[in-house]
């Protein structure tokens, strides 16, 4: 499961929609057509964001670490459903992130960890 054209297009459309609310995408961008999208918006003052592009009834989340608290794993859930998005509050630089899809009756899916080095 790698980057897909439709997943990237969906993510780009979301970025365009959120452009007035947050800085441009920087650093980490994870897209899985059959799962969802997780990415970092901004740089020094960063936001975590998620987008559900799979429309399969499963919630998606971004798990991530911030520079100001490097040992605290944070989770941003997106429970808005098909084509829904969610964005965290502003915070310090996000240096590590992965995508999660929740399966209530089974094992959750996790992407690999992705890193953004200063």
PDB file of N, CA and C in Angstrom:
ATOM      1  N   UNK A   1       0.827  -1.174   0.000  1.00  0.00           N
ATOM      2  CA  UNK A   1       0.000   0.000   0.000  1.00  0.00           C
ATOM      3  C   UNK A   1       0.869   1.233   0.000  1.00  0.00           C
ATOM      4  N   UNK A   2       1.075   1.842  -1.134  1.00  0.00           N
ATOM      5  CA  UNK A   2       1.888   3.034  -1.236  1.00  0.00           C
ATOM      6  C   UNK A   2       1.032   4.247  -1.502  1.00  0.00           C
ATOM      7  N   UNK A   3       1.682   5.306  -1.859  1.00  0.00           N
ATOM      8  CA  UNK A   3       0.960   6.506  -2.228  1.00  0.00           C
ATOM      9  C   UNK A   3       0.178   6.229  -3.505  1.00  0.00           C
ATOM     10  N   UNK A   4      -1.021   6.736  -3.578  1.00  0.00           N
ATOM     11  CA  UNK A   4      -1.850   6.515  -4.757  1.00  0.00           C
ATOM     12  C   UNK A   4      -2.270   7.849  -5.337  1.00  0.00           C
ATOM     13  N   UNK A   5      -2.519   7.866  -6.631  1.00  0.00           N
ATOM     14  CA  UNK A   5      -2.907   9.104  -7.298  1.00  0.00           C
ATOM     15  C   UNK A   5      -4.188   9.672  -6.703  1.00  0.00           C
ATOM     16  N   UNK A   6      -5.220   8.833  -6.528  1.00  0.00           N
ATOM     17  CA  UNK A   6      -6.484   9.354  -6.008  1.00  0.00           C
ATOM     18  C   UNK A   6      -6.351   9.794  -4.559  1.00  0.00           C
ATOM     19  N   UNK A   7      -5.534   9.076  -3.769  1.00  0.00           N
ATOM     20  CA  UNK A   7      -5.323   9.485  -2.394  1.00  0.00           C
ATOM     21  C   UNK A   7      -4.617  10.822  -2.311  1.00  0.00           C
ATOM     22  N   UNK A   8      -3.635  11.024  -3.172  1.00  0.00           N
ATOM     23  CA  UNK A   8      -2.917  12.294  -3.203  1.00  0.00           C
ATOM     24  C   UNK A   8      -3.842  13.411  -3.665  1.00  0.00           C
ATOM     25  N   UNK A   9      -4.665  13.145  -4.666  1.00  0.00           N
ATOM     26  CA  UNK A   9      -5.620  14.156  -5.139  1.00  0.00           C
ATOM     27  C   UNK A   9      -6.582  14.547  -4.028  1.00  0.00           C
ATOM     28  N   UNK A  10      -7.092  13.560  -3.299  1.00  0.00           N
ATOM     29  CA  UNK A  10      -7.999  13.856  -2.187  1.00  0.00           C
ATOM     30  C   UNK A  10      -7.292  14.699  -1.141  1.00  0.00           C
ATOM     31  N   UNK A  11      -6.033  14.360  -0.835  1.00  0.00           N
ATOM     32  CA  UNK A  11      -5.270  15.133   0.137  1.00  0.00           C
ATOM     33  C   UNK A  11      -5.000  16.542  -0.328  1.00  0.00           C
ATOM     34  N   UNK A  12      -4.682  16.708  -1.594  1.00  0.00           N
ATOM     35  CA  UNK A  12      -4.437  18.037  -2.152  1.00  0.00           C
ATOM     36  C   UNK A  12      -5.714  18.866  -2.102  1.00  0.00           C
ATOM     37  N   UNK A  13      -6.847  18.250  -2.394  1.00  0.00           N
ATOM     38  CA  UNK A  13      -8.125  18.969  -2.320  1.00  0.00           C
ATOM     39  C   UNK A  13      -8.393  19.432  -0.896  1.00  0.00           C
ATOM     40  N   UNK A  14      -8.073  18.590   0.085  1.00  0.00           N
ATOM     41  CA  UNK A  14      -8.261  18.973   1.473  1.00  0.00           C
ATOM     42  C   UNK A  14      -7.332  20.113   1.841  1.00  0.00           C
ATOM     43  N   UNK A  15      -6.086  20.042   1.410  1.00  0.00           N
ATOM     44  CA  UNK A  15      -5.134  21.110   1.697  1.00  0.00           C
ATOM     45  C   UNK A  15      -5.636  22.425   1.124  1.00  0.00           C
ATOM     46  N   UNK A  16      -6.159  22.401  -0.085  1.00  0.00           N
ATOM     47  CA  UNK A  16      -6.687  23.615  -0.697  1.00  0.00           C
ATOM     48  C   UNK A  16      -7.852  24.160   0.118  1.00  0.00           C
ATOM     49  N   UNK A  17      -8.690  23.273   0.635  1.00  0.00           N
ATOM     50  CA  UNK A  17      -9.834  23.690   1.444  1.00  0.00           C
ATOM     51  C   UNK A  17      -9.388  24.333   2.742  1.00  0.00           C
ATOM     52  N   UNK A  18      -8.341  23.789   3.361  1.00  0.00           N
ATOM     53  CA  UNK A  18      -7.880  24.277   4.655  1.00  0.00           C
ATOM     54  C   UNK A  18      -6.854  25.402   4.550  1.00  0.00           C
ATOM     55  N   UNK A  19      -6.520  25.799   3.352  1.00  0.00           N
ATOM     56  CA  UNK A  19      -5.445  26.772   3.147  1.00  0.00           C
ATOM     57  C   UNK A  19      -5.689  28.075   3.888  1.00  0.00           C
ATOM     58  N   UNK A  20      -6.929  28.498   4.024  1.00  0.00           N
ATOM     59  CA  UNK A  20      -7.199  29.758   4.712  1.00  0.00           C
ATOM     60  C   UNK A  20      -7.171  29.584   6.222  1.00  0.00           C
ATOM     61  N   UNK A  21      -7.324  28.338   6.711  1.00  0.00           N
ATOM     62  CA  UNK A  21      -7.371  28.098   8.147  1.00  0.00           C
ATOM     63  C   UNK A  21      -6.007  27.748   8.729  1.00  0.00           C
ATOM     64  N   UNK A  22      -5.068  27.305   7.900  1.00  0.00           N
ATOM     65  CA  UNK A  22      -3.781  26.857   8.410  1.00  0.00           C
ATOM     66  C   UNK A  22      -2.699  27.060   7.368  1.00  0.00           C
ATOM     67  N   UNK A  23      -1.449  27.030   7.802  1.00  0.00           N
ATOM     68  CA  UNK A  23      -0.343  27.145   6.856  1.00  0.00           C
ATOM     69  C   UNK A  23      -0.308  25.973   5.885  1.00  0.00           C
ATOM     70  N   UNK A  24       0.508  26.078   4.872  1.00  0.00           N
ATOM     71  CA  UNK A  24       0.632  25.032   3.853  1.00  0.00           C
ATOM     72  C   UNK A  24       1.214  23.758   4.449  1.00  0.00           C
ATOM     73  N   UNK A  25       0.978  22.650   3.753  1.00  0.00           N
ATOM     74  CA  UNK A  25       1.516  21.365   4.191  1.00  0.00           C
ATOM     75  C   UNK A  25       3.037  21.441   4.202  1.00  0.00           C
ATOM     76  N   UNK A  26       3.631  20.935   5.267  1.00  0.00           N
ATOM     77  CA  UNK A  26       5.089  20.910   5.386  1.00  0.00           C
ATOM     78  C   UNK A  26       5.481  19.633   6.094  1.00  0.00           C
ATOM     79  N   UNK A  27       6.581  19.067   5.703  1.00  0.00           N
ATOM     80  CA  UNK A  27       7.100  17.925   6.435  1.00  0.00           C
ATOM     81  C   UNK A  27       6.468  16.603   6.057  1.00  0.00           C
ATOM     82  N   UNK A  28       5.561  16.096   6.863  1.00  0.00           N
ATOM     83  CA  UNK A  28       5.045  14.742   6.728  1.00  0.00           C
ATOM     84  C   UNK A  28       3.693  14.739   6.024  1.00  0.00           C
ATOM     85  N   UNK A  29       3.541  13.823   5.062  1.00  0.00           N
ATOM     86  CA  UNK A  29       2.272  13.636   4.363  1.00  0.00           C
ATOM     87  C   UNK A  29       2.100  12.146   4.093  1.00  0.00           C
ATOM     88  N   UNK A  30       1.065  11.528   4.673  1.00  0.00           N
ATOM     89  CA  UNK A  30       0.816  10.096   4.520  1.00  0.00           C
ATOM     90  C   UNK A  30      -0.547   9.931   3.871  1.00  0.00           C
ATOM     91  N   UNK A  31      -0.614   9.201   2.772  1.00  0.00           N
ATOM     92  CA  UNK A  31      -1.879   8.993   2.077  1.00  0.00           C
ATOM     93  C   UNK A  31      -2.024   7.524   1.703  1.00  0.00           C
ATOM     94  N   UNK A  32      -3.121   6.937   2.116  1.00  0.00           N
ATOM     95  CA  UNK A  32      -3.455   5.566   1.745  1.00  0.00           C
ATOM     96  C   UNK A  32      -4.884   5.589   1.216  1.00  0.00           C
ATOM     97  N   UNK A  33      -5.060   5.281  -0.062  1.00  0.00           N
ATOM     98  CA  UNK A  33      -6.367   5.387  -0.717  1.00  0.00           C
ATOM     99  C   UNK A  33      -7.455   4.641   0.041  1.00  0.00           C
ATOM    100  N   UNK A  34      -7.141   3.462   0.549  1.00  0.00           N
ATOM    101  CA  UNK A  34      -8.150   2.666   1.227  1.00  0.00           C
ATOM    102  C   UNK A  34      -8.169   2.886   2.737  1.00  0.00           C
ATOM    103  N   UNK A  35      -7.448   3.887   3.234  1.00  0.00           N
ATOM    104  CA  UNK A  35      -7.381   4.150   4.675  1.00  0.00           C
ATOM    105  C   UNK A  35      -7.756   5.583   5.026  1.00  0.00           C
ATOM    106  N   UNK A  36      -6.957   6.526   4.577  1.00  0.00           N
ATOM    107  CA  UNK A  36      -7.155   7.926   4.920  1.00  0.00           C
ATOM    108  C   UNK A  36      -5.887   8.707   4.668  1.00  0.00           C
ATOM    109  N   UNK A  37      -5.860   9.938   5.165  1.00  0.00           N
ATOM    110  CA  UNK A  37      -4.727  10.837   4.973  1.00  0.00           C
ATOM    111  C   UNK A  37      -4.386  11.463   6.327  1.00  0.00           C
ATOM    112  N   UNK A  38      -3.098  11.554   6.627  1.00  0.00           N
ATOM    113  CA  UNK A  38      -2.620  12.275   7.802  1.00  0.00           C
ATOM    114  C   UNK A  38      -1.456  13.141   7.346  1.00  0.00           C
ATOM    115  N   UNK A  39      -1.402  14.367   7.818  1.00  0.00           N
ATOM    116  CA  UNK A  39      -0.315  15.248   7.391  1.00  0.00           C
ATOM    117  C   UNK A  39      -0.076  16.347   8.403  1.00  0.00           C
ATOM    118  N   UNK A  40       1.053  17.035   8.236  1.00  0.00           N
ATOM    119  CA  UNK A  40       1.423  18.170   9.068  1.00  0.00           C
ATOM    120  C   UNK A  40       1.224  19.441   8.257  1.00  0.00           C
ATOM    121  N   UNK A  41       0.522  20.397   8.829  1.00  0.00           N
ATOM    122  CA  UNK A  41       0.365  21.717   8.221  1.00  0.00           C
ATOM    123  C   UNK A  41       1.175  22.699   9.054  1.00  0.00           C
ATOM    124  N   UNK A  42       1.934  23.527   8.389  1.00  0.00           N
ATOM    125  CA  UNK A  42       2.779  24.477   9.096  1.00  0.00           C
ATOM    126  C   UNK A  42       4.149  23.900   9.349  1.00  0.00           C
ATOM    127  N   UNK A  43       4.959  24.601  10.078  1.00  0.00           N
ATOM    128  CA  UNK A  43       6.311  24.148  10.356  1.00  0.00           C
ATOM    129  C   UNK A  43       6.636  24.423  11.817  1.00  0.00           C
ATOM    130  N   UNK A  44       7.113  25.618  12.139  1.00  0.00           N
ATOM    131  CA  UNK A  44       7.434  25.951  13.522  1.00  0.00           C
ATOM    132  C   UNK A  44       6.176  25.899  14.386  1.00  0.00           C
ATOM    133  N   UNK A  45       5.085  26.472  13.901  1.00  0.00           N
ATOM    134  CA  UNK A  45       3.795  26.406  14.580  1.00  0.00           C
ATOM    135  C   UNK A  45       2.926  25.434  13.791  1.00  0.00           C
ATOM    136  N   UNK A  46       2.945  24.169  14.183  1.00  0.00           N
ATOM    137  CA  UNK A  46       2.376  23.110  13.353  1.00  0.00           C
ATOM    138  C   UNK A  46       1.013  22.635  13.837  1.00  0.00           C
ATOM    139  N   UNK A  47       0.270  22.091  12.898  1.00  0.00           N
ATOM    140  CA  UNK A  47      -1.018  21.449  13.138  1.00  0.00           C
ATOM    141  C   UNK A  47      -0.937  20.019  12.608  1.00  0.00           C
ATOM    142  N   UNK A  48      -1.559  19.072  13.290  1.00  0.00           N
ATOM    143  CA  UNK A  48      -1.746  17.730  12.739  1.00  0.00           C
ATOM    144  C   UNK A  48      -3.131  17.725  12.109  1.00  0.00           C
ATOM    145  N   UNK A  49      -3.291  16.980  11.019  1.00  0.00           N
ATOM    146  CA  UNK A  49      -4.590  16.934  10.344  1.00  0.00           C
ATOM    147  C   UNK A  49      -4.861  15.530   9.822  1.00  0.00           C
ATOM    148  N   UNK A  50      -6.149  15.181   9.755  1.00  0.00           N
ATOM    149  CA  UNK A  50      -6.566  13.892   9.201  1.00  0.00           C
ATOM    150  C   UNK A  50      -7.709  14.103   8.232  1.00  0.00           C
ATOM    151  N   UNK A  51      -7.828  13.192   7.294  1.00  0.00           N
ATOM    152  CA  UNK A  51      -8.882  13.227   6.285  1.00  0.00           C
ATOM    153  C   UNK A  51      -9.295  11.786   5.988  1.00  0.00           C
ATOM    154  N   UNK A  52     -10.594  11.483   6.042  1.00  0.00           N
ATOM    155  CA  UNK A  52     -11.089  10.127   5.782  1.00  0.00           C
ATOM    156  C   UNK A  52     -11.530  10.030   4.330  1.00  0.00           C
ATOM    157  N   UNK A  53     -10.699   9.403   3.505  1.00  0.00           N
ATOM    158  CA  UNK A  53     -11.035   9.284   2.087  1.00  0.00           C
ATOM    159  C   UNK A  53     -11.491   7.889   1.699  1.00  0.00           C
ATOM    160  N   UNK A  54     -11.648   6.993   2.666  1.00  0.00           N
ATOM    161  CA  UNK A  54     -11.999   5.612   2.323  1.00  0.00           C
ATOM    162  C   UNK A  54     -13.499   5.339   2.370  1.00  0.00           C
ATOM    163  N   UNK A  55     -14.249   6.122   3.123  1.00  0.00           N
ATOM    164  CA  UNK A  55     -15.716   5.997   3.202  1.00  0.00           C
ATOM    165  C   UNK A  55     -16.154   4.574   3.524  1.00  0.00           C
ATOM    166  N   UNK A  56     -15.422   3.938   4.455  1.00  0.00           N
ATOM    167  CA  UNK A  56     -15.725   2.553   4.810  1.00  0.00           C
ATOM    168  C   UNK A  56     -16.324   2.407   6.202  1.00  0.00           C
ATOM    169  N   UNK A  57     -16.625   3.521   6.863  1.00  0.00           N
ATOM    170  CA  UNK A  57     -17.218   3.469   8.190  1.00  0.00           C
ATOM    171  C   UNK A  57     -16.221   3.320   9.324  1.00  0.00           C
ATOM    172  N   UNK A  58     -14.921   3.271   9.010  1.00  0.00           N
ATOM    173  CA  UNK A  58     -13.882   3.139  10.030  1.00  0.00           C
ATOM    174  C   UNK A  58     -13.299   4.516  10.344  1.00  0.00           C
ATOM    175  N   UNK A  59     -13.132   4.815  11.624  1.00  0.00           N
ATOM    176  CA  UNK A  59     -12.521   6.083  12.017  1.00  0.00           C
ATOM    177  C   UNK A  59     -11.022   6.056  11.726  1.00  0.00           C
ATOM    178  N   UNK A  60     -10.460   7.221  11.425  1.00  0.00           N
ATOM    179  CA  UNK A  60      -9.021   7.338  11.190  1.00  0.00           C
ATOM    180  C   UNK A  60      -8.420   8.328  12.186  1.00  0.00           C
ATOM    181  N   UNK A  61      -7.125   8.184  12.401  1.00  0.00           N
ATOM    182  CA  UNK A  61      -6.424   9.059  13.338  1.00  0.00           C
ATOM    183  C   UNK A  61      -4.994   9.270  12.874  1.00  0.00           C
ATOM    184  N   UNK A  62      -4.413  10.350  13.363  1.00  0.00           N
ATOM    185  CA  UNK A  62      -2.980  10.598  13.206  1.00  0.00           C
ATOM    186  C   UNK A  62      -2.374  10.468  14.591  1.00  0.00           C
ATOM    187  N   UNK A  63      -1.353   9.643  14.720  1.00  0.00           N
ATOM    188  CA  UNK A  63      -0.570   9.578  15.938  1.00  0.00           C
ATOM    189  C   UNK A  63       0.713  10.341  15.653  1.00  0.00           C
ATOM    190  N   UNK A  64       1.130  11.193  16.599  1.00  0.00           N
ATOM    191  CA  UNK A  64       2.274  12.050  16.318  1.00  0.00           C
ATOM    192  C   UNK A  64       2.976  12.505  17.587  1.00  0.00           C
ATOM    193  N   UNK A  65       4.202  13.001  17.390  1.00  0.00           N
ATOM    194  CA  UNK A  65       5.022  13.547  18.464  1.00  0.00           C
ATOM    195  C   UNK A  65       5.409  14.978  18.124  1.00  0.00           C
ATOM    196  N   UNK A  66       5.389  15.849  19.132  1.00  0.00           N
ATOM    197  CA  UNK A  66       5.769  17.254  18.973  1.00  0.00           C
ATOM    198  C   UNK A  66       7.116  17.518  19.645  1.00  0.00           C
ATOM    199  N   UNK A  67       7.815  18.516  19.122  1.00  0.00           N
ATOM    200  CA  UNK A  67       9.125  18.909  19.625  1.00  0.00           C
ATOM    201  C   UNK A  67       9.070  19.337  21.092  1.00  0.00           C
ATOM    202  N   UNK A  68       8.028  20.024  21.514  1.00  0.00           N
ATOM    203  CA  UNK A  68       7.936  20.535  22.879  1.00  0.00           C
ATOM    204  C   UNK A  68       7.742  19.427  23.916  1.00  0.00           C
ATOM    205  N   UNK A  69       7.229  18.274  23.489  1.00  0.00           N
ATOM    206  CA  UNK A  69       7.032  17.132  24.402  1.00  0.00           C
ATOM    207  C   UNK A  69       7.360  15.844  23.642  1.00  0.00           C
ATOM    208  N   UNK A  70       8.638  15.606  23.364  1.00  0.00           N
ATOM    209  CA  UNK A  70       9.054  14.544  22.448  1.00  0.00           C
ATOM    210  C   UNK A  70       8.756  13.117  22.900  1.00  0.00           C
ATOM    211  N   UNK A  71       8.395  12.902  24.155  1.00  0.00           N
ATOM    212  CA  UNK A  71       8.083  11.546  24.613  1.00  0.00           C
ATOM    213  C   UNK A  71       6.576  11.308  24.762  1.00  0.00           C
ATOM    214  N   UNK A  72       5.769  12.306  24.447  1.00  0.00           N
ATOM    215  CA  UNK A  72       4.318  12.183  24.564  1.00  0.00           C
ATOM    216  C   UNK A  72       3.707  11.891  23.208  1.00  0.00           C
ATOM    217  N   UNK A  73       3.125  10.692  23.053  1.00  0.00           N
ATOM    218  CA  UNK A  73       2.448  10.364  21.793  1.00  0.00           C
ATOM    219  C   UNK A  73       1.041  10.937  21.857  1.00  0.00           C
ATOM    220  N   UNK A  74       0.706  11.728  20.846  1.00  0.00           N
ATOM    221  CA  UNK A  74      -0.614  12.355  20.742  1.00  0.00           C
ATOM    222  C   UNK A  74      -1.411  11.643  19.654  1.00  0.00           C
ATOM    223  N   UNK A  75      -2.723  11.666  19.789  1.00  0.00           N
ATOM    224  CA  UNK A  75      -3.594  11.053  18.797  1.00  0.00           C
ATOM    225  C   UNK A  75      -4.707  12.026  18.439  1.00  0.00           C
ATOM    226  N   UNK A  76      -4.845  12.296  17.149  1.00  0.00           N
ATOM    227  CA  UNK A  76      -5.909  13.165  16.636  1.00  0.00           C
ATOM    228  C   UNK A  76      -6.902  12.287  15.890  1.00  0.00           C
ATOM    229  N   UNK A  77      -8.083  12.081  16.466  1.00  0.00           N
ATOM    230  CA  UNK A  77      -9.113  11.247  15.844  1.00  0.00           C
ATOM    231  C   UNK A  77      -9.949  12.045  14.865  1.00  0.00           C
ATOM    232  N   UNK A  78     -10.349  11.393  13.805  1.00  0.00           N
ATOM    233  CA  UNK A  78     -11.295  11.957  12.839  1.00  0.00           C
ATOM    234  C   UNK A  78     -12.474  11.004  12.794  1.00  0.00           C
ATOM    235  N   UNK A  79     -13.551  11.383  13.452  1.00  0.00           N
ATOM    236  CA  UNK A  79     -14.743  10.545  13.511  1.00  0.00           C
ATOM    237  C   UNK A  79     -15.892  11.186  12.737  1.00  0.00           C
ATOM    238  N   UNK A  80     -15.551  12.055  11.789  1.00  0.00           N
ATOM    239  CA  UNK A  80     -16.584  12.768  11.023  1.00  0.00           C
ATOM    240  C   UNK A  80     -17.104  11.963   9.845  1.00  0.00           C
ATOM    241  N   UNK A  81     -16.457  10.855   9.521  1.00  0.00           N
ATOM    242  CA  UNK A  81     -16.955   9.987   8.451  1.00  0.00           C
ATOM    243  C   UNK A  81     -16.414  10.332   7.080  1.00  0.00           C
ATOM    244  N   UNK A  82     -17.110   9.807   6.087  1.00  0.00           N
ATOM    245  CA  UNK A  82     -16.689   9.893   4.684  1.00  0.00           C
ATOM    246  C   UNK A  82     -16.364  11.324   4.258  1.00  0.00           C
ATOM    247  N   UNK A  83     -15.153  11.521   3.769  1.00  0.00           N
ATOM    248  CA  UNK A  83     -14.646  12.817   3.300  1.00  0.00           C
ATOM    249  C   UNK A  83     -14.606  13.886   4.388  1.00  0.00           C
ATOM    250  N   UNK A  84     -14.604  13.475   5.641  1.00  0.00           N
ATOM    251  CA  UNK A  84     -14.510  14.415   6.746  1.00  0.00           C
ATOM    252  C   UNK A  84     -13.065  14.664   7.130  1.00  0.00           C
ATOM    253  N   UNK A  85     -12.819  15.787   7.785  1.00  0.00           N
ATOM    254  CA  UNK A  85     -11.460  16.133   8.192  1.00  0.00           C
ATOM    255  C   UNK A  85     -11.449  16.662   9.621  1.00  0.00           C
ATOM    256  N   UNK A  86     -10.277  16.657  10.214  1.00  0.00           N
ATOM    257  CA  UNK A  86     -10.102  17.177  11.557  1.00  0.00           C
ATOM    258  C   UNK A  86      -8.694  17.747  11.657  1.00  0.00           C
ATOM    259  N   UNK A  87      -8.533  18.812  12.447  1.00  0.00           N
ATOM    260  CA  UNK A  87      -7.234  19.445  12.596  1.00  0.00           C
ATOM    261  C   UNK A  87      -6.995  19.749  14.071  1.00  0.00           C
ATOM    262  N   UNK A  88      -5.774  19.503  14.529  1.00  0.00           N
ATOM    263  CA  UNK A  88      -5.408  19.786  15.917  1.00  0.00           C
ATOM    264  C   UNK A  88      -5.259  21.289  16.120  1.00  0.00           C
ATOM    265  N   UNK A  89      -5.052  21.660  17.351  1.00  0.00           N
ATOM    266  CA  UNK A  89      -4.687  23.028  17.640  1.00  0.00           C
ATOM    267  C   UNK A  89      -3.233  23.266  17.271  1.00  0.00           C
ATOM    268  N   UNK A  90      -2.868  24.533  17.220  1.00  0.00           N
ATOM    269  CA  UNK A  90      -1.497  24.894  16.883  1.00  0.00           C
ATOM    270  C   UNK A  90      -0.556  24.461  18.000  1.00  0.00           C
ATOM    271  N   UNK A  91       0.625  24.003  17.624  1.00  0.00           N
ATOM    272  CA  UNK A  91       1.611  23.606  18.613  1.00  0.00           C
ATOM    273  C   UNK A  91       3.000  23.605  18.014  1.00  0.00           C
ATOM    274  N   UNK A  92       3.920  23.031  18.746  1.00  0.00           N
ATOM    275  CA  UNK A  92       5.307  23.000  18.282  1.00  0.00           C
ATOM    276  C   UNK A  92       5.467  22.059  17.091  1.00  0.00           C
ATOM    277  N   UNK A  93       6.636  22.083  16.505  1.00  0.00           N
ATOM    278  CA  UNK A  93       6.981  21.305  15.323  1.00  0.00           C
ATOM    279  C   UNK A  93       6.662  19.825  15.532  1.00  0.00           C
ATOM    280  N   UNK A  94       6.069  19.174  14.547  1.00  0.00           N
ATOM    281  CA  UNK A  94       5.747  17.744  14.596  1.00  0.00           C
ATOM    282  C   UNK A  94       6.838  16.998  13.830  1.00  0.00           C
ATOM    283  N   UNK A  95       7.543  16.110  14.525  1.00  0.00           N
ATOM    284  CA  UNK A  95       8.680  15.442  13.894  1.00  0.00           C
ATOM    285  C   UNK A  95       8.433  13.969  13.564  1.00  0.00           C
ATOM    286  N   UNK A  96       7.339  13.402  14.044  1.00  0.00           N
ATOM    287  CA  UNK A  96       7.058  11.991  13.781  1.00  0.00           C
ATOM    288  C   UNK A  96       5.545  11.796  13.708  1.00  0.00           C
ATOM    289  N   UNK A  97       5.074  10.989  12.718  1.00  0.00           N
ATOM    290  CA  UNK A  97       3.634  10.785  12.544  1.00  0.00           C
ATOM    291  C   UNK A  97       3.367   9.458  11.855  1.00  0.00           C
ATOM    292  N   UNK A  98       2.213   8.870  12.179  1.00  0.00           N
ATOM    293  CA  UNK A  98       1.725   7.706  11.439  1.00  0.00           C
ATOM    294  C   UNK A  98       0.199   7.764  11.377  1.00  0.00           C
ATOM    295  N   UNK A  99      -0.343   7.071  10.397  1.00  0.00           N
ATOM    296  CA  UNK A  99      -1.784   7.003  10.170  1.00  0.00           C
ATOM    297  C   UNK A  99      -2.337   5.760  10.856  1.00  0.00           C
ATOM    298  N   UNK A 100      -3.509   5.891  11.473  1.00  0.00           N
ATOM    299  CA  UNK A 100      -4.181   4.759  12.105  1.00  0.00           C
ATOM    300  C   UNK A 100      -5.608   4.678  11.584  1.00  0.00           C
ATOM    301  N   UNK A 101      -6.078   3.468  11.315  1.00  0.00           N
ATOM    302  CA  UNK A 101      -7.484   3.245  10.995  1.00  0.00           C
ATOM    303  C   UNK A 101      -8.021   2.252  12.015  1.00  0.00           C
ATOM    304  N   UNK A 102      -9.120   2.616  12.674  1.00  0.00           N
ATOM    305  CA  UNK A 102      -9.669   1.799  13.747  1.00  0.00           C
ATOM    306  C   UNK A 102     -10.648   0.750  13.216  1.00  0.00           C
ATOM    307  N   UNK A 103     -10.439  -0.483  13.638  1.00  0.00           N
ATOM    308  CA  UNK A 103     -11.374  -1.565  13.343  1.00  0.00           C
ATOM    309  C   UNK A 103     -11.920  -2.066  14.666  1.00  0.00           C
ATOM    310  N   UNK A 104     -13.201  -1.763  14.949  1.00  0.00           N
ATOM    311  CA  UNK A 104     -13.803  -2.076  16.239  1.00  0.00           C
ATOM    312  C   UNK A 104     -13.760  -3.580  16.519  1.00  0.00           C
ATOM    313  N   UNK A 105     -14.036  -4.398  15.514  1.00  0.00           N
ATOM    314  CA  UNK A 105     -14.100  -5.845  15.721  1.00  0.00           C
ATOM    315  C   UNK A 105     -12.823  -6.554  15.268  1.00  0.00           C
ATOM    316  N   UNK A 106     -11.753  -5.822  15.095  1.00  0.00           N
ATOM    317  CA  UNK A 106     -10.524  -6.451  14.605  1.00  0.00           C
ATOM    318  C   UNK A 106      -9.296  -5.653  14.987  1.00  0.00           C
ATOM    319  N   UNK A 107      -8.192  -5.976  14.364  1.00  0.00           N
ATOM    320  CA  UNK A 107      -6.920  -5.317  14.627  1.00  0.00           C
ATOM    321  C   UNK A 107      -6.835  -4.009  13.853  1.00  0.00           C
ATOM    322  N   UNK A 108      -6.489  -2.934  14.537  1.00  0.00           N
ATOM    323  CA  UNK A 108      -6.339  -1.639  13.883  1.00  0.00           C
ATOM    324  C   UNK A 108      -5.187  -1.671  12.880  1.00  0.00           C
ATOM    325  N   UNK A 109      -5.287  -0.828  11.841  1.00  0.00           N
ATOM    326  CA  UNK A 109      -4.224  -0.665  10.848  1.00  0.00           C
ATOM    327  C   UNK A 109      -3.348   0.515  11.265  1.00  0.00           C
ATOM    328  N   UNK A 110      -2.038   0.354  11.165  1.00  0.00           N
ATOM    329  CA  UNK A 110      -1.088   1.434  11.407  1.00  0.00           C
ATOM    330  C   UNK A 110      -0.130   1.507  10.228  1.00  0.00           C
ATOM    331  N   UNK A 111       0.101   2.707   9.702  1.00  0.00           N
ATOM    332  CA  UNK A 111       1.142   2.877   8.693  1.00  0.00           C
ATOM    333  C   UNK A 111       2.488   2.836   9.393  1.00  0.00           C
ATOM    334  N   UNK A 112       3.538   2.875   8.625  1.00  0.00           N
ATOM    335  CA  UNK A 112       4.869   3.030   9.195  1.00  0.00           C
ATOM    336  C   UNK A 112       4.968   4.431   9.801  1.00  0.00           C
ATOM    337  N   UNK A 113       5.923   4.637  10.681  1.00  0.00           N
ATOM    338  CA  UNK A 113       6.191   5.979  11.194  1.00  0.00           C
ATOM    339  C   UNK A 113       6.922   6.779  10.123  1.00  0.00           C
ATOM    340  N   UNK A 114       6.556   8.033   9.965  1.00  0.00           N
ATOM    341  CA  UNK A 114       7.232   8.943   9.034  1.00  0.00           C
ATOM    342  C   UNK A 114       7.858  10.061   9.864  1.00  0.00           C
ATOM    343  N   UNK A 115       9.015  10.532   9.410  1.00  0.00           N
ATOM    344  CA  UNK A 115       9.814  11.490  10.180  1.00  0.00           C
ATOM    345  C   UNK A 115      10.093  12.750   9.386  1.00  0.00           C
ATOM    346  N   UNK A 116      10.193  13.864  10.104  1.00  0.00           N
ATOM    347  CA  UNK A 116      10.587  15.141   9.509  1.00  0.00           C
ATOM    348  C   UNK A 116      11.704  15.689  10.380  1.00  0.00           C
ATOM    349  N   UNK A 117      12.900  15.746   9.834  1.00  0.00           N
ATOM    350  CA  UNK A 117      14.060  16.196  10.614  1.00  0.00           C
ATOM    351  C   UNK A 117      14.292  17.681  10.393  1.00  0.00           C
ATOM    352  N   UNK A 118      14.707  18.350  11.434  1.00  0.00           N
ATOM    353  CA  UNK A 118      14.991  19.791  11.356  1.00  0.00           C
ATOM    354  C   UNK A 118      16.181  20.029  10.473  1.00  0.00           C
TER     355      UNK A 118
END
